[in-house]
């Protein structure tokens, strides 16, 4: 009987310590772009082929550089005919994420025409999701909701 009580007391202590430490799940800054894209897919968003980049294959040559993104992956959205793919970029800290978002935001908008990025952009603390304008606003909202449900705000 004493062993059973000791076991339950030890188990209770472990549960209390876990609850107090906030270890309810993965830290959003630890997600890779592929984790986020798979999260979008699991939430019912259309996701096609995924291209994950390395420092050597990143077309922007920013991956892993100081103050830049730590992960980047593009994914196709089935049924959307465009040269632009959707993109997820992840960051080591909030400041780098915000800096990249602010930089990219300068290039969005219909008034820029062919020189603009022509995409919806959604930011969390540690990630940016970019969806081409060829996706309807309603469908883009679905990606946004799934993105924020997965990574937080």
Protein backbone atom coordinates (compact mmCIF):
# COMPACT_ATOMS: atom_id res chain seq x y z
CA UNK A 1 0.00 0.00 0.00
CA UNK A 2 2.88 2.38 0.86
CA UNK A 3 4.47 1.74 -2.56
CA UNK A 4 1.19 2.58 -4.32
CA UNK A 5 0.84 5.84 -2.38
CA UNK A 6 4.49 6.75 -3.07
CA UNK A 7 3.97 6.04 -6.77
CA UNK A 8 0.89 8.27 -6.96
CA UNK A 9 2.62 11.07 -5.03
CA UNK A 10 5.61 10.90 -7.39
CA UNK A 11 3.32 10.86 -10.43
CA UNK A 12 1.39 13.84 -9.08
CA UNK A 13 4.61 15.76 -8.55
CA UNK A 14 5.74 15.07 -12.14
CA UNK A 15 2.39 16.23 -13.52
CA UNK A 16 2.49 19.40 -11.45
CA UNK A 17 6.06 20.16 -12.55
CA UNK A 18 5.17 19.64 -16.20
CA UNK A 19 2.12 21.89 -15.90
CA UNK A 20 4.14 24.60 -14.16
CA UNK A 21 6.96 24.51 -16.69
CA UNK A 22 4.53 25.08 -19.54
CA UNK A 23 5.63 22.00 -21.46
CA UNK A 24 2.28 21.62 -23.20
CA UNK A 25 3.80 20.95 -26.60
CA UNK A 26 6.56 21.94 -29.00
CA UNK A 27 7.86 25.49 -28.89
CA UNK A 28 6.69 27.28 -32.08
CA UNK A 29 10.24 28.54 -32.75
CA UNK A 30 11.35 24.91 -33.11
CA UNK A 31 9.03 24.19 -36.05
CA UNK A 32 10.61 23.65 -39.45
CA UNK A 33 8.90 24.96 -42.57
CA UNK A 34 8.02 21.36 -43.41
CA UNK A 35 6.34 20.93 -39.99
CA UNK A 36 4.22 24.00 -40.69
CA UNK A 37 3.31 22.91 -44.22
CA UNK A 38 2.36 19.45 -42.94
CA UNK A 39 0.27 21.19 -40.26
CA UNK A 40 -1.55 23.12 -43.00
CA UNK A 41 -2.20 19.88 -44.85
CA UNK A 42 -3.45 18.17 -41.68
CA UNK A 43 -5.86 21.08 -41.18
CA UNK A 44 -7.36 20.42 -44.63
CA UNK A 45 -5.47 22.98 -46.72
CA UNK A 46 -4.43 21.87 -50.21
CA UNK A 47 -0.71 21.15 -50.31
CA UNK A 48 1.17 19.70 -53.27
CA UNK A 49 4.87 19.14 -53.79
CA UNK A 50 7.18 20.63 -51.17
CA UNK A 51 10.66 21.97 -51.90
CA UNK A 52 12.80 22.43 -48.79
CA UNK A 53 15.88 24.58 -49.23
CA UNK A 54 19.36 24.42 -47.76
CA UNK A 55 21.91 27.22 -47.48
CA UNK A 56 23.32 26.02 -50.81
CA UNK A 57 20.00 25.81 -52.69
CA UNK A 58 18.18 28.87 -51.29
CA UNK A 59 17.41 31.12 -54.28
CA UNK A 60 17.70 34.23 -52.07
CA UNK A 61 20.99 33.09 -50.46
CA UNK A 62 19.68 34.15 -47.03
CA UNK A 63 19.07 30.79 -45.36
CA UNK A 64 21.15 30.49 -42.22
CA UNK A 65 22.81 33.87 -42.68
CA UNK A 66 22.89 36.25 -39.67
CA UNK A 67 19.53 37.96 -39.03
CA UNK A 68 17.81 35.96 -41.77
CA UNK A 69 15.53 32.92 -41.87
CA UNK A 70 16.66 29.60 -40.45
CA UNK A 71 14.38 27.52 -42.66
CA UNK A 72 12.62 27.95 -46.01
CA UNK A 73 10.34 25.71 -48.03
CA UNK A 74 8.02 26.29 -50.97
CA UNK A 75 4.91 24.27 -51.69
CA UNK A 76 2.55 24.01 -54.59
CA UNK A 77 -1.16 24.54 -54.16
CA UNK A 78 -2.96 22.02 -56.38
CA UNK A 79 -5.27 23.64 -58.93
CA UNK A 80 -3.50 27.01 -58.81
CA UNK A 81 -1.77 27.83 -62.08
CA UNK A 82 1.01 30.27 -61.26
CA UNK A 83 4.75 30.57 -61.44
CA UNK A 84 4.68 31.55 -57.76
CA UNK A 85 4.53 28.88 -55.11
CA UNK A 86 3.49 29.30 -51.52
CA UNK A 87 6.38 29.81 -49.11
CA UNK A 88 7.09 29.27 -45.42
CA UNK A 89 10.10 30.86 -43.77
CA UNK A 90 11.06 30.24 -40.13
CA UNK A 91 13.21 32.37 -37.83
CA UNK A 92 15.30 31.99 -34.70
CA UNK A 93 13.75 35.01 -33.03
CA UNK A 94 10.86 37.47 -33.22
CA UNK A 95 13.01 40.41 -34.32
CA UNK A 96 14.36 38.63 -37.41
CA UNK A 97 10.85 37.47 -38.34
CA UNK A 98 9.41 40.98 -38.01
CA UNK A 99 12.31 42.51 -39.95
CA UNK A 100 11.79 40.09 -42.87
CA UNK A 101 8.01 40.65 -42.79
CA UNK A 102 8.46 44.43 -42.87
CA UNK A 103 10.94 44.11 -45.74
CA UNK A 104 8.64 41.87 -47.80
CA UNK A 105 5.60 43.99 -47.02
CA UNK A 106 7.17 46.85 -49.01
CA UNK A 107 6.76 44.76 -52.14
CA UNK A 108 3.13 43.68 -51.79
CA UNK A 109 0.20 45.48 -53.28
CA UNK A 110 -1.54 45.73 -56.61
CA UNK A 111 -0.03 49.16 -57.32
CA UNK A 112 3.40 47.54 -57.85
CA UNK A 113 2.12 45.42 -60.74
CA UNK A 114 4.68 42.98 -62.11
CA UNK A 115 7.28 44.31 -59.66
CA UNK A 116 5.25 43.27 -56.63
CA UNK A 117 5.22 39.98 -54.78
CA UNK A 118 1.47 39.58 -55.40
CA UNK A 119 0.87 37.38 -52.41
CA UNK A 120 -0.94 37.25 -49.11
CA UNK A 121 1.43 37.29 -46.15
CA UNK A 122 0.76 36.00 -42.67
CA UNK A 123 3.21 36.34 -39.77
CA UNK A 124 3.52 34.65 -36.41
CA UNK A 125 6.29 35.27 -33.90
CA UNK A 126 8.70 32.86 -35.64
CA UNK A 127 7.33 32.17 -39.13
CA UNK A 128 5.96 33.81 -42.26
CA UNK A 129 3.50 32.16 -44.65
CA UNK A 130 3.20 33.58 -48.17
CA UNK A 131 0.35 32.51 -50.45
CA UNK A 132 0.02 33.62 -54.12
CA UNK A 133 -2.81 36.04 -54.99
CA UNK A 134 -4.16 33.46 -57.44
CA UNK A 135 -5.70 31.78 -54.39
CA UNK A 136 -9.11 33.28 -53.61
CA UNK A 137 -9.30 35.52 -50.53
CA UNK A 138 -11.60 32.96 -48.87
CA UNK A 139 -9.15 30.10 -49.46
CA UNK A 140 -6.23 32.29 -48.36
CA UNK A 141 -8.15 32.92 -45.14
CA UNK A 142 -8.34 29.15 -44.62
CA UNK A 143 -4.54 28.91 -44.89
CA UNK A 144 -4.19 31.85 -42.50
CA UNK A 145 -6.47 30.25 -39.92
CA UNK A 146 -4.66 26.91 -40.16
CA UNK A 147 -1.27 28.63 -39.97
CA UNK A 148 -2.12 30.57 -36.81
CA UNK A 149 -3.79 27.54 -35.25
CA UNK A 150 -0.57 25.60 -35.75
CA UNK A 151 2.12 28.16 -34.87
CA UNK A 152 0.20 30.70 -32.81
CA UNK A 153 0.09 34.42 -33.35
